[in-house]
Every structure is written in structure tokens, then in C-alpha cells.
Amino acid sequence: MQKPTLVIMAAGIGSRYGGLKQIDPIGPSGEIIIDYSVYDALGAGFGKVVFVVREEIKSALKERIDRSIAKRCETAYVIQRTENVPAGFAVPPEREKPWGTGHAVLCCRDVVDAPFAVINADDFYGRLAYQTLCDYLRQAEDRNGRYDYSMVGYPLEKTLSEHGQVTRGVCTVSGEGFLMEIDERAGIEKSNASAQYTEDGTNWVAIPQGSLVSMNMWGFTPSLFSELEARFALFLAKSGRGLKAEFLLPDLIGSLVAEKKAQVKVLSTDACWFGVTYQQDRPWVKRAIGSLIQAQIYPADLWKNKEK
């Protein structure tokens, strides 16, 4: 059986962070979050890693990857270019923002031919999350006219930042554990033991405690690429003139679920998530990594003596 592939979306601009958080060291031996993600993924059984990057950061990232990850597994790079659009569509000349997560994954269509996972470069998902998702992908199979997809869900209150608002895909899950609906909510912040969000900066809506959210840790079969290609063209026809409009993966998945073209198994995990949305998150993330090293979950020098 072909090992699943890991796709890492690393093309973000990082405007709220104020720098290239994709390559910002957070481990004691200079490790970046991507190092821990790939370390866990290889341990779970993934066999190939694909990096989605912008042209201007590829060299800096590849230099790091060549010293460590590329010596342990097959790697590939794809460039998420704003001008990578269907023939006949003219990109607005003022457009600077990437087209979003759906477009990032679409850029991988020529280098991924196995069931695959998608993650963010700046999120730490935890070893158990990779094992759970890899186990599911090993047996994933589209059948009876429906795609067999999956996602790892985290309790919302465990994914918030102490330093500002965040955006999360809030999920409605069936009693059988399948995704029914996903609502992308911006402006989420802590509220006592739970969370709330605002769309206008004035009126707040409470989100029930224990609500599961998507942190962009998905599992797909290659059937996703044909859907991405067709729906990206429709998105551009409708919204492509907007300078900030984004073709988002959660929106696409929500549509496929609503149309009953896909079922998405929501995989629960006890793994801890953390990420660096803001620069102020960085010290906490470093301490969290340090605690995991003290608990002997990870070695202090992650790739030392780790052979391919």
C-alpha cells in the first residue's frame, strides 16, 4: 500500500505575525514548527512531504529542509503563484494576496498521487493527530459516488490565542462522527471558559463550549483535485476581481458535504494544538516545546542520528 503524502501549506504572508513564521526557530536546536510536524508524520507512516511556498521564501525554506527533512524522506516543492489561474482569466494587476488554501492545494495536483493530508506550516498538531489521520488515510476509498475525506477536530477553547482574535472553522458534527457543516468564523476570542465572535466589532455571539473546530488538518483522496480545479474556475468568475477574495478549503469542503458528494469523518484526538498567530505567541510555543522535550516526547536535537 502506498504511503500517504503530507502537504504543508507554507505560502502565507504572516501579516499578523510580522515576519516569516514558517522558518522562525522555536526548538532548542533551531527547529521550526515544520520540523516537528514532519517528524511526527514520518513516525506515523507518511512517506512524502510536499511544501507549498511563495517564490520569495522557497530558497530560505529549502536550505533548512535540505539539512534535515530531505535526508529522511522524499520532498517536493510547488510555488503558489497568483498568476496560476485558468486560461482566459486576467489577474487584477493590484492583486498581491495569494488565492487562499484551496488554491494552495490545487497547486499540488501534479506531484500528489496518493491519499494525502493537508496542514498549516505554522501549526503544531501533535503526534497522536498524525497517527490518527494516517491510519484513516491508509484505508480511505471513494465509494458509492461519494468521496472519503477526513479532518482532525480540536475543541475550540484549546486553539485560542491570548494575544488577539483568530479565525476558526466551527464544525457541526453528526452523531456518527461525520461533518455536517463548517462555518468559517473570524473575530473569535476567549470569553471566560469558552469563546465568542463578532462580525461587526460590537455585537458578540457565544460559541458553545466544546465546539469542534477545523485547524486545517485534512485528509483527502486524489479525487479532490478535480473538484478544486472546477470550483476554482467558478470562484474566479464570481469573485476573482476582489483584491482580497480567497478560495478557501473549508468553503469547498462545506459545499461538497452539503451536496452529498463527500463524507468527512471528524477524527477526535487528545493531541495538543498550538500555533504562532501573533509574535507574542512565540514564547509560549517555545515553552510548550520545551515541556514536551522534558517529557521525552521529542529529543532536544530533533534530527540528530535520525536516518532515512
C-alpha atoms as a PDB file:
ATOM      1  CA  MET A   1       0.000   0.000   0.000  1.00  0.00           C
ATOM      2  CA  GLN A   2       1.299   3.442  -0.985  1.00  0.00           C
ATOM      3  CA  LYS A   3       2.179   5.614   1.997  1.00  0.00           C
ATOM      4  CA  PRO A   4       0.120   8.803   2.400  1.00  0.00           C
ATOM      5  CA  THR A   5       1.643  12.151   1.440  1.00  0.00           C
ATOM      6  CA  LEU A   6       1.833  15.197   3.688  1.00  0.00           C
ATOM      7  CA  VAL A   7       1.110  18.594   2.067  1.00  0.00           C
ATOM      8  CA  ILE A   8       2.330  21.582   4.084  1.00  0.00           C
ATOM      9  CA  MET A   9       0.868  24.983   3.216  1.00  0.00           C
ATOM     10  CA  ALA A  10       3.739  27.402   3.790  1.00  0.00           C
ATOM     11  CA  ALA A  11       2.907  30.261   1.412  1.00  0.00           C
ATOM     12  CA  GLY A  12       1.224  32.565   3.927  1.00  0.00           C
ATOM     13  CA  ILE A  13       2.357  36.167   4.271  1.00  0.00           C
ATOM     14  CA  GLY A  14       2.199  36.218   8.097  1.00  0.00           C
ATOM     15  CA  SER A  15       0.977  39.810   8.352  1.00  0.00           C
ATOM     16  CA  ARG A  16      -0.293  39.427  11.931  1.00  0.00           C
ATOM     17  CA  TYR A  17       2.948  37.733  12.992  1.00  0.00           C
ATOM     18  CA  GLY A  18       5.145  40.363  11.432  1.00  0.00           C
ATOM     19  CA  GLY A  19       7.583  38.038   9.704  1.00  0.00           C
ATOM     20  CA  LEU A  20       8.242  34.643   8.138  1.00  0.00           C
ATOM     21  CA  LYS A  21       6.919  32.438  10.910  1.00  0.00           C
ATOM     22  CA  GLN A  22       7.348  29.400   8.633  1.00  0.00           C
ATOM     23  CA  ILE A  23      11.108  29.498   9.244  1.00  0.00           C
ATOM     24  CA  ASP A  24      11.245  31.128  12.673  1.00  0.00           C
ATOM     25  CA  PRO A  25      13.189  28.798  15.048  1.00  0.00           C
ATOM     26  CA  ILE A  26      11.279  27.648  18.136  1.00  0.00           C
ATOM     27  CA  GLY A  27      13.190  24.493  19.165  1.00  0.00           C
ATOM     28  CA  PRO A  28      16.404  24.330  21.237  1.00  0.00           C
ATOM     29  CA  SER A  29      18.480  23.206  18.246  1.00  0.00           C
ATOM     30  CA  GLY A  30      16.968  25.711  15.839  1.00  0.00           C
ATOM     31  CA  GLU A  31      13.962  23.579  14.858  1.00  0.00           C
ATOM     32  CA  ILE A  32      10.973  25.245  13.199  1.00  0.00           C
ATOM     33  CA  ILE A  33       7.408  24.031  13.676  1.00  0.00           C
ATOM     34  CA  ILE A  34       7.596  22.249  10.310  1.00  0.00           C
ATOM     35  CA  ASP A  35      10.381  20.063  11.725  1.00  0.00           C
ATOM     36  CA  TYR A  36       8.119  18.751  14.479  1.00  0.00           C
ATOM     37  CA  SER A  37       5.226  18.269  12.049  1.00  0.00           C
ATOM     38  CA  VAL A  38       7.298  16.165   9.651  1.00  0.00           C
ATOM     39  CA  TYR A  39       8.998  14.267  12.487  1.00  0.00           C
ATOM     40  CA  ASP A  40       5.578  13.205  13.780  1.00  0.00           C
ATOM     41  CA  ALA A  41       4.225  12.496  10.304  1.00  0.00           C
ATOM     42  CA  LEU A  42       7.113  10.218   9.337  1.00  0.00           C
ATOM     43  CA  GLY A  43       6.750   8.396  12.639  1.00  0.00           C
ATOM     44  CA  ALA A  44       3.058   7.858  11.891  1.00  0.00           C
ATOM     45  CA  GLY A  45       3.728   6.386   8.444  1.00  0.00           C
ATOM     46  CA  PHE A  46       3.651   9.220   5.913  1.00  0.00           C
ATOM     47  CA  GLY A  47       6.138   8.742   3.097  1.00  0.00           C
ATOM     48  CA  LYS A  48       6.447  12.012   1.165  1.00  0.00           C
ATOM     49  CA  VAL A  49       6.275  15.715   2.028  1.00  0.00           C
ATOM     50  CA  VAL A  50       5.160  18.457  -0.368  1.00  0.00           C
ATOM     51  CA  PHE A  51       5.767  22.106   0.514  1.00  0.00           C
ATOM     52  CA  VAL A  52       3.522  24.812  -0.949  1.00  0.00           C
ATOM     53  CA  VAL A  53       5.524  28.046  -0.862  1.00  0.00           C
ATOM     54  CA  ARG A  54       5.849  31.517  -2.348  1.00  0.00           C
ATOM     55  CA  GLU A  55       8.765  32.086  -4.701  1.00  0.00           C
ATOM     56  CA  GLU A  56      10.428  34.578  -2.368  1.00  0.00           C
ATOM     57  CA  ILE A  57      10.707  32.163   0.577  1.00  0.00           C
ATOM     58  CA  LYS A  58      11.456  28.920  -1.261  1.00  0.00           C
ATOM     59  CA  SER A  59      15.254  29.252  -1.079  1.00  0.00           C
ATOM     60  CA  ALA A  60      15.306  30.009   2.656  1.00  0.00           C
ATOM     61  CA  LEU A  61      12.942  27.141   3.468  1.00  0.00           C
ATOM     62  CA  LYS A  62      14.622  24.659   1.135  1.00  0.00           C
ATOM     63  CA  GLU A  63      18.011  25.388   2.685  1.00  0.00           C
ATOM     64  CA  ARG A  64      16.634  24.313   6.067  1.00  0.00           C
ATOM     65  CA  ILE A  65      14.777  21.304   4.686  1.00  0.00           C
ATOM     66  CA  ASP A  66      17.819  20.047   2.766  1.00  0.00           C
ATOM     67  CA  ARG A  67      19.807  19.868   6.013  1.00  0.00           C
ATOM     68  CA  SER A  68      17.281  17.693   7.796  1.00  0.00           C
ATOM     69  CA  ILE A  69      13.959  16.513   6.349  1.00  0.00           C
ATOM     70  CA  ALA A  70      15.178  15.942   2.773  1.00  0.00           C
ATOM     71  CA  LYS A  71      17.702  13.435   4.119  1.00  0.00           C
ATOM     72  CA  ARG A  72      14.909  11.349   5.669  1.00  0.00           C
ATOM     73  CA  CYS A  73      12.126  11.276   3.063  1.00  0.00           C
ATOM     74  CA  GLU A  74      11.088  12.305  -0.449  1.00  0.00           C
ATOM     75  CA  THR A  75      10.282  16.002  -0.712  1.00  0.00           C
ATOM     76  CA  ALA A  76       8.807  18.268  -3.379  1.00  0.00           C
ATOM     77  CA  TYR A  77       8.074  21.982  -3.711  1.00  0.00           C
ATOM     78  CA  VAL A  78       5.287  23.761  -5.533  1.00  0.00           C
ATOM     79  CA  ILE A  79       5.019  27.530  -5.917  1.00  0.00           C
ATOM     80  CA  GLN A  80       1.667  29.158  -5.197  1.00  0.00           C
ATOM     81  CA  ARG A  81       1.684  31.932  -7.761  1.00  0.00           C
ATOM     82  CA  THR A  82      -1.114  34.473  -8.016  1.00  0.00           C
ATOM     83  CA  GLU A  83      -0.945  34.164 -11.805  1.00  0.00           C
ATOM     84  CA  ASN A  84      -1.536  30.386 -11.641  1.00  0.00           C
ATOM     85  CA  VAL A  85      -5.154  30.624 -12.858  1.00  0.00           C
ATOM     86  CA  PRO A  86      -7.215  29.029 -15.654  1.00  0.00           C
ATOM     87  CA  ALA A  87      -6.695  30.253 -19.208  1.00  0.00           C
ATOM     88  CA  GLY A  88      -8.815  33.253 -20.075  1.00  0.00           C
ATOM     89  CA  PHE A  89      -8.834  34.824 -16.612  1.00  0.00           C
ATOM     90  CA  ALA A  90      -6.821  38.015 -16.147  1.00  0.00           C
ATOM     91  CA  VAL A  91      -5.480  38.550 -12.623  1.00  0.00           C
ATOM     92  CA  PRO A  92      -6.184  42.095 -11.395  1.00  0.00           C
ATOM     93  CA  PRO A  93      -2.823  43.918 -11.539  1.00  0.00           C
ATOM     94  CA  GLU A  94      -3.281  45.213  -7.975  1.00  0.00           C
ATOM     95  CA  ARG A  95      -3.745  41.703  -6.583  1.00  0.00           C
ATOM     96  CA  GLU A  96      -0.978  40.791  -4.078  1.00  0.00           C
ATOM     97  CA  LYS A  97      -2.683  38.341  -1.697  1.00  0.00           C
ATOM     98  CA  PRO A  98      -2.475  34.598  -2.518  1.00  0.00           C
ATOM     99  CA  TRP A  99      -5.725  32.971  -3.656  1.00  0.00           C
ATOM    100  CA  GLY A 100      -6.169  31.004  -0.416  1.00  0.00           C
ATOM    101  CA  THR A 101      -5.884  27.474   0.922  1.00  0.00           C
ATOM    102  CA  GLY A 102      -7.996  25.841  -1.797  1.00  0.00           C
ATOM    103  CA  HIS A 103      -5.697  27.249  -4.451  1.00  0.00           C
ATOM    104  CA  ALA A 104      -2.633  26.194  -2.430  1.00  0.00           C
ATOM    105  CA  VAL A 105      -3.740  22.553  -2.508  1.00  0.00           C
ATOM    106  CA  LEU A 106      -4.740  22.772  -6.170  1.00  0.00           C
ATOM    107  CA  CYS A 107      -1.141  23.746  -6.982  1.00  0.00           C
ATOM    108  CA  CYS A 108      -0.082  20.242  -5.805  1.00  0.00           C
ATOM    109  CA  ARG A 109      -2.107  18.306  -8.370  1.00  0.00           C
ATOM    110  CA  ASP A 110       0.941  17.261 -10.430  1.00  0.00           C
ATOM    111  CA  VAL A 111       3.031  15.967  -7.509  1.00  0.00           C
ATOM    112  CA  VAL A 112       0.449  14.118  -5.358  1.00  0.00           C
ATOM    113  CA  ASP A 113      -0.974  10.779  -6.499  1.00  0.00           C
ATOM    114  CA  ALA A 114      -1.802   9.103  -3.174  1.00  0.00           C
ATOM    115  CA  PRO A 115      -4.178   9.801  -0.284  1.00  0.00           C
ATOM    116  CA  PHE A 116      -2.805  12.882   1.414  1.00  0.00           C
ATOM    117  CA  ALA A 117      -3.030  15.120   4.440  1.00  0.00           C
ATOM    118  CA  VAL A 118      -3.014  18.918   4.392  1.00  0.00           C
ATOM    119  CA  ILE A 119      -1.690  21.038   7.260  1.00  0.00           C
ATOM    120  CA  ASN A 120      -0.606  24.608   8.005  1.00  0.00           C
ATOM    121  CA  ALA A 121       3.130  25.262   8.287  1.00  0.00           C
ATOM    122  CA  ASP A 122       2.781  27.318  11.466  1.00  0.00           C
ATOM    123  CA  ASP A 123       0.559  24.964  13.481  1.00  0.00           C
ATOM    124  CA  PHE A 124       1.725  22.245  15.873  1.00  0.00           C
ATOM    125  CA  TYR A 125      -0.847  19.438  15.754  1.00  0.00           C
ATOM    126  CA  GLY A 126       0.634  16.737  17.996  1.00  0.00           C
ATOM    127  CA  ARG A 127       1.880  13.214  17.393  1.00  0.00           C
ATOM    128  CA  LEU A 128      -1.436  11.472  18.041  1.00  0.00           C
ATOM    129  CA  ALA A 129      -3.169  13.637  15.451  1.00  0.00           C
ATOM    130  CA  TYR A 130      -0.801  12.458  12.716  1.00  0.00           C
ATOM    131  CA  GLN A 131      -1.150   8.832  13.733  1.00  0.00           C
ATOM    132  CA  THR A 132      -4.948   9.041  13.762  1.00  0.00           C
ATOM    133  CA  LEU A 133      -5.087  10.727  10.370  1.00  0.00           C
ATOM    134  CA  CYS A 134      -2.507   8.432   8.760  1.00  0.00           C
ATOM    135  CA  ASP A 135      -4.396   5.353   9.949  1.00  0.00           C
ATOM    136  CA  TYR A 136      -7.566   6.695   8.348  1.00  0.00           C
ATOM    137  CA  LEU A 137      -5.866   7.615   5.070  1.00  0.00           C
ATOM    138  CA  ARG A 138      -4.423   4.116   4.724  1.00  0.00           C
ATOM    139  CA  GLN A 139      -7.938   2.757   4.258  1.00  0.00           C
ATOM    140  CA  ALA A 140      -9.627   5.786   2.657  1.00  0.00           C
ATOM    141  CA  GLU A 141     -11.530   4.895  -0.502  1.00  0.00           C
ATOM    142  CA  ASP A 142     -14.104   6.829  -2.509  1.00  0.00           C
ATOM    143  CA  ARG A 143     -17.131   4.607  -2.908  1.00  0.00           C
ATOM    144  CA  ASN A 144     -20.795   4.673  -3.907  1.00  0.00           C
ATOM    145  CA  GLY A 145     -20.355   8.021  -5.629  1.00  0.00           C
ATOM    146  CA  ARG A 146     -19.076   9.771  -2.509  1.00  0.00           C
ATOM    147  CA  TYR A 147     -15.569  10.978  -1.675  1.00  0.00           C
ATOM    148  CA  ASP A 148     -13.986   9.633   1.507  1.00  0.00           C
ATOM    149  CA  TYR A 149     -12.359  12.575   3.287  1.00  0.00           C
ATOM    150  CA  SER A 150     -11.430  13.285   6.896  1.00  0.00           C
ATOM    151  CA  MET A 151     -10.324  16.023   9.276  1.00  0.00           C
ATOM    152  CA  VAL A 152      -8.904  16.232  12.776  1.00  0.00           C
ATOM    153  CA  GLY A 153     -11.140  18.283  15.063  1.00  0.00           C
ATOM    154  CA  TYR A 154      -9.958  20.194  18.130  1.00  0.00           C
ATOM    155  CA  PRO A 155     -12.051  21.743  20.933  1.00  0.00           C
ATOM    156  CA  LEU A 156     -12.251  25.455  20.140  1.00  0.00           C
ATOM    157  CA  GLU A 157     -11.164  26.651  23.576  1.00  0.00           C
ATOM    158  CA  LYS A 158      -7.848  24.785  23.170  1.00  0.00           C
ATOM    159  CA  THR A 159      -6.995  26.677  19.967  1.00  0.00           C
ATOM    160  CA  LEU A 160      -7.335  30.325  21.030  1.00  0.00           C
ATOM    161  CA  SER A 161      -4.660  32.966  21.423  1.00  0.00           C
ATOM    162  CA  GLU A 162      -4.146  35.112  24.491  1.00  0.00           C
ATOM    163  CA  HIS A 163      -2.972  37.945  22.264  1.00  0.00           C
ATOM    164  CA  GLY A 164      -5.749  38.642  19.790  1.00  0.00           C
ATOM    165  CA  GLN A 165      -8.607  37.367  17.702  1.00  0.00           C
ATOM    166  CA  VAL A 166      -8.406  34.277  15.498  1.00  0.00           C
ATOM    167  CA  THR A 167     -10.345  32.697  12.650  1.00  0.00           C
ATOM    168  CA  ARG A 168     -11.608  29.136  13.003  1.00  0.00           C
ATOM    169  CA  GLY A 169     -13.810  26.745  11.040  1.00  0.00           C
ATOM    170  CA  VAL A 170     -16.538  25.881  13.559  1.00  0.00           C
ATOM    171  CA  CYS A 171     -17.927  22.409  12.831  1.00  0.00           C
ATOM    172  CA  THR A 172     -21.307  20.765  13.226  1.00  0.00           C
ATOM    173  CA  VAL A 173     -20.796  17.005  13.586  1.00  0.00           C
ATOM    174  CA  SER A 174     -23.364  14.208  13.252  1.00  0.00           C
ATOM    175  CA  GLY A 175     -23.916  11.542  15.883  1.00  0.00           C
ATOM    176  CA  GLU A 176     -21.960   9.155  13.641  1.00  0.00           C
ATOM    177  CA  GLY A 177     -18.964  11.479  13.668  1.00  0.00           C
ATOM    178  CA  PHE A 178     -19.268  12.974  10.185  1.00  0.00           C
ATOM    179  CA  LEU A 179     -19.022  16.640   9.292  1.00  0.00           C
ATOM    180  CA  MET A 180     -22.404  18.201   8.598  1.00  0.00           C
ATOM    181  CA  GLU A 181     -21.438  21.859   8.291  1.00  0.00           C
ATOM    182  CA  ILE A 182     -18.423  24.110   8.726  1.00  0.00           C
ATOM    183  CA  ASP A 183     -18.707  27.843   9.324  1.00  0.00           C
ATOM    184  CA  GLU A 184     -15.605  29.994   8.987  1.00  0.00           C
ATOM    185  CA  ARG A 185     -15.774  32.485  11.867  1.00  0.00           C
ATOM    186  CA  ALA A 186     -13.422  35.443  12.161  1.00  0.00           C
ATOM    187  CA  GLY A 187     -13.034  37.662  15.215  1.00  0.00           C
ATOM    188  CA  ILE A 188     -13.050  34.813  17.754  1.00  0.00           C
ATOM    189  CA  GLU A 189     -11.601  35.464  21.182  1.00  0.00           C
ATOM    190  CA  LYS A 190     -11.722  33.978  24.676  1.00  0.00           C
ATOM    191  CA  SER A 191     -14.725  34.587  26.892  1.00  0.00           C
ATOM    192  CA  ASN A 192     -14.286  33.083  30.356  1.00  0.00           C
ATOM    193  CA  ALA A 193     -14.025  29.305  29.831  1.00  0.00           C
ATOM    194  CA  SER A 194     -15.441  29.401  26.297  1.00  0.00           C
ATOM    195  CA  ALA A 195     -15.302  31.753  23.293  1.00  0.00           C
ATOM    196  CA  GLN A 196     -17.255  34.337  21.363  1.00  0.00           C
ATOM    197  CA  TYR A 197     -17.004  36.045  17.988  1.00  0.00           C
ATOM    198  CA  THR A 198     -18.076  39.295  16.410  1.00  0.00           C
ATOM    199  CA  GLU A 199     -18.710  40.194  12.782  1.00  0.00           C
ATOM    200  CA  ASP A 200     -19.123  43.941  13.304  1.00  0.00           C
ATOM    201  CA  GLY A 201     -16.882  44.651  16.292  1.00  0.00           C
ATOM    202  CA  THR A 202     -19.863  45.445  18.506  1.00  0.00           C
ATOM    203  CA  ASN A 203     -22.261  42.523  18.758  1.00  0.00           C
ATOM    204  CA  TRP A 204     -20.906  39.289  20.204  1.00  0.00           C
ATOM    205  CA  VAL A 205     -22.154  35.744  19.660  1.00  0.00           C
ATOM    206  CA  ALA A 206     -21.232  32.968  22.110  1.00  0.00           C
ATOM    207  CA  ILE A 207     -19.831  29.698  20.773  1.00  0.00           C
ATOM    208  CA  PRO A 208     -20.816  26.649  22.869  1.00  0.00           C
ATOM    209  CA  GLN A 209     -18.034  25.192  24.992  1.00  0.00           C
ATOM    210  CA  GLY A 210     -16.550  22.038  23.490  1.00  0.00           C
ATOM    211  CA  SER A 211     -17.377  23.022  19.903  1.00  0.00           C
ATOM    212  CA  LEU A 212     -15.023  21.303  17.472  1.00  0.00           C
ATOM    213  CA  VAL A 213     -13.089  23.392  15.001  1.00  0.00           C
ATOM    214  CA  SER A 214     -11.010  22.659  11.941  1.00  0.00           C
ATOM    215  CA  MET A 215      -7.388  23.741  12.187  1.00  0.00           C
ATOM    216  CA  ASN A 216      -6.780  22.888   8.519  1.00  0.00           C
ATOM    217  CA  MET A 217      -5.634  19.351   9.250  1.00  0.00           C
ATOM    218  CA  TRP A 218      -7.420  17.452   6.494  1.00  0.00           C
ATOM    219  CA  GLY A 219      -7.266  14.043   4.868  1.00  0.00           C
ATOM    220  CA  PHE A 220      -8.160  13.589   1.190  1.00  0.00           C
ATOM    221  CA  THR A 221      -8.070  11.162  -1.691  1.00  0.00           C
ATOM    222  CA  PRO A 222      -6.711  12.497  -5.024  1.00  0.00           C
ATOM    223  CA  SER A 223     -10.306  12.970  -6.215  1.00  0.00           C
ATOM    224  CA  LEU A 224     -10.160  16.378  -4.523  1.00  0.00           C
ATOM    225  CA  PHE A 225      -8.060  17.867  -7.326  1.00  0.00           C
ATOM    226  CA  SER A 226     -10.766  17.655  -9.991  1.00  0.00           C
ATOM    227  CA  GLU A 227     -13.198  19.396  -7.644  1.00  0.00           C
ATOM    228  CA  LEU A 228     -10.666  22.082  -6.794  1.00  0.00           C
ATOM    229  CA  GLU A 229      -9.940  22.751 -10.460  1.00  0.00           C
ATOM    230  CA  ALA A 230     -13.598  23.051 -11.454  1.00  0.00           C
ATOM    231  CA  ARG A 231     -14.637  25.135  -8.466  1.00  0.00           C
ATOM    232  CA  PHE A 232     -11.657  27.464  -8.585  1.00  0.00           C
ATOM    233  CA  ALA A 233     -12.741  28.481 -12.080  1.00  0.00           C
ATOM    234  CA  LEU A 234     -16.256  29.179 -10.780  1.00  0.00           C
ATOM    235  CA  PHE A 235     -14.833  31.147  -7.862  1.00  0.00           C
ATOM    236  CA  LEU A 236     -12.773  33.335 -10.191  1.00  0.00           C
ATOM    237  CA  ALA A 237     -15.772  34.013 -12.417  1.00  0.00           C
ATOM    238  CA  LYS A 238     -17.781  35.166  -9.400  1.00  0.00           C
ATOM    239  CA  SER A 239     -15.247  36.739  -7.026  1.00  0.00           C
ATOM    240  CA  GLY A 240     -11.886  36.885  -8.804  1.00  0.00           C
ATOM    241  CA  ARG A 241     -11.953  40.659  -9.246  1.00  0.00           C
ATOM    242  CA  GLY A 242     -11.881  41.181  -5.485  1.00  0.00           C
ATOM    243  CA  LEU A 243      -8.359  42.007  -4.358  1.00  0.00           C
ATOM    244  CA  LYS A 244      -8.742  40.072  -1.078  1.00  0.00           C
ATOM    245  CA  ALA A 245     -11.167  37.321  -2.099  1.00  0.00           C
ATOM    246  CA  GLU A 246      -9.881  33.846  -1.170  1.00  0.00           C
ATOM    247  CA  PHE A 247     -10.711  30.360  -2.423  1.00  0.00           C
ATOM    248  CA  LEU A 248     -10.804  28.628   0.946  1.00  0.00           C
ATOM    249  CA  LEU A 249     -10.569  24.895   1.552  1.00  0.00           C
ATOM    250  CA  PRO A 250     -13.253  24.825   4.309  1.00  0.00           C
ATOM    251  CA  ASP A 251     -15.746  26.542   1.977  1.00  0.00           C
ATOM    252  CA  LEU A 252     -15.136  23.934  -0.721  1.00  0.00           C
ATOM    253  CA  ILE A 253     -15.451  21.029   1.713  1.00  0.00           C
ATOM    254  CA  GLY A 254     -18.636  22.506   3.169  1.00  0.00           C
ATOM    255  CA  SER A 255     -20.128  22.672  -0.321  1.00  0.00           C
ATOM    256  CA  LEU A 256     -19.184  19.076  -1.130  1.00  0.00           C
ATOM    257  CA  VAL A 257     -20.755  17.882   2.115  1.00  0.00           C
ATOM    258  CA  ALA A 258     -23.933  19.894   1.520  1.00  0.00           C
ATOM    259  CA  GLU A 259     -24.189  18.442  -1.995  1.00  0.00           C
ATOM    260  CA  LYS A 260     -23.625  14.932  -0.584  1.00  0.00           C
ATOM    261  CA  LYS A 261     -20.644  14.456  -2.875  1.00  0.00           C
ATOM    262  CA  ALA A 262     -18.284  13.873   0.052  1.00  0.00           C
ATOM    263  CA  GLN A 263     -18.369  12.483   3.548  1.00  0.00           C
ATOM    264  CA  VAL A 264     -15.836  13.851   6.003  1.00  0.00           C
ATOM    265  CA  LYS A 265     -15.015  11.771   9.052  1.00  0.00           C
ATOM    266  CA  VAL A 266     -14.202  14.011  12.010  1.00  0.00           C
ATOM    267  CA  LEU A 267     -11.345  12.376  13.883  1.00  0.00           C
ATOM    268  CA  SER A 268     -11.031  13.239  17.551  1.00  0.00           C
ATOM    269  CA  THR A 269      -7.670  13.302  19.278  1.00  0.00           C
ATOM    270  CA  ASP A 270      -6.162  14.060  22.661  1.00  0.00           C
ATOM    271  CA  ALA A 271      -3.235  15.778  20.946  1.00  0.00           C
ATOM    272  CA  CYS A 272      -2.445  19.340  21.951  1.00  0.00           C
ATOM    273  CA  TRP A 273      -2.574  22.029  19.286  1.00  0.00           C
ATOM    274  CA  PHE A 274      -0.643  25.271  19.413  1.00  0.00           C
ATOM    275  CA  GLY A 275       0.416  27.841  16.865  1.00  0.00           C
ATOM    276  CA  VAL A 276       2.005  31.227  16.288  1.00  0.00           C
ATOM    277  CA  THR A 277      -0.674  33.578  15.051  1.00  0.00           C
ATOM    278  CA  TYR A 278       0.971  36.548  16.777  1.00  0.00           C
ATOM    279  CA  GLN A 279       4.598  37.290  17.663  1.00  0.00           C
ATOM    280  CA  GLN A 280       3.527  37.260  21.333  1.00  0.00           C
ATOM    281  CA  ASP A 281       2.551  33.574  20.932  1.00  0.00           C
ATOM    282  CA  ARG A 282       6.163  32.600  20.226  1.00  0.00           C
ATOM    283  CA  PRO A 283       7.484  32.438  23.840  1.00  0.00           C
ATOM    284  CA  TRP A 284       4.558  30.253  24.899  1.00  0.00           C
ATOM    285  CA  VAL A 285       5.122  27.895  21.973  1.00  0.00           C
ATOM    286  CA  LYS A 286       8.814  27.623  22.832  1.00  0.00           C
ATOM    287  CA  ARG A 287       7.916  26.747  26.432  1.00  0.00           C
ATOM    288  CA  ALA A 288       5.406  24.147  25.229  1.00  0.00           C
ATOM    289  CA  ILE A 289       8.055  22.521  23.043  1.00  0.00           C
ATOM    290  CA  GLY A 290      10.451  22.581  25.985  1.00  0.00           C
ATOM    291  CA  SER A 291       7.909  20.776  28.164  1.00  0.00           C
ATOM    292  CA  LEU A 292       7.493  18.048  25.533  1.00  0.00           C
ATOM    293  CA  ILE A 293      11.258  17.624  25.377  1.00  0.00           C
ATOM    294  CA  GLN A 294      11.434  17.349  29.159  1.00  0.00           C
ATOM    295  CA  ALA A 295       8.732  14.679  28.960  1.00  0.00           C
ATOM    296  CA  GLN A 296      10.934  12.854  26.411  1.00  0.00           C
ATOM    297  CA  ILE A 297       8.324  13.128  23.665  1.00  0.00           C
ATOM    298  CA  TYR A 298      10.993  14.720  21.465  1.00  0.00           C
ATOM    299  CA  PRO A 299      14.801  14.760  21.642  1.00  0.00           C
ATOM    300  CA  ALA A 300      16.481  18.109  22.237  1.00  0.00           C
ATOM    301  CA  ASP A 301      18.153  17.816  18.823  1.00  0.00           C
ATOM    302  CA  LEU A 302      15.262  16.555  16.721  1.00  0.00           C
ATOM    303  CA  TRP A 303      17.089  15.165  13.684  1.00  0.00           C
ATOM    304  CA  LYS A 304      20.346  14.014  15.236  1.00  0.00           C
ATOM    305  CA  ASN A 305      21.024  10.368  14.330  1.00  0.00           C
ATOM    306  CA  LYS A 306      17.645  10.146  12.553  1.00  0.00           C
ATOM    307  CA  GLU A 307      18.241   8.187   9.356  1.00  0.00           C
ATOM    308  CA  LYS A 308      16.120   7.987   6.216  1.00  0.00           C
END
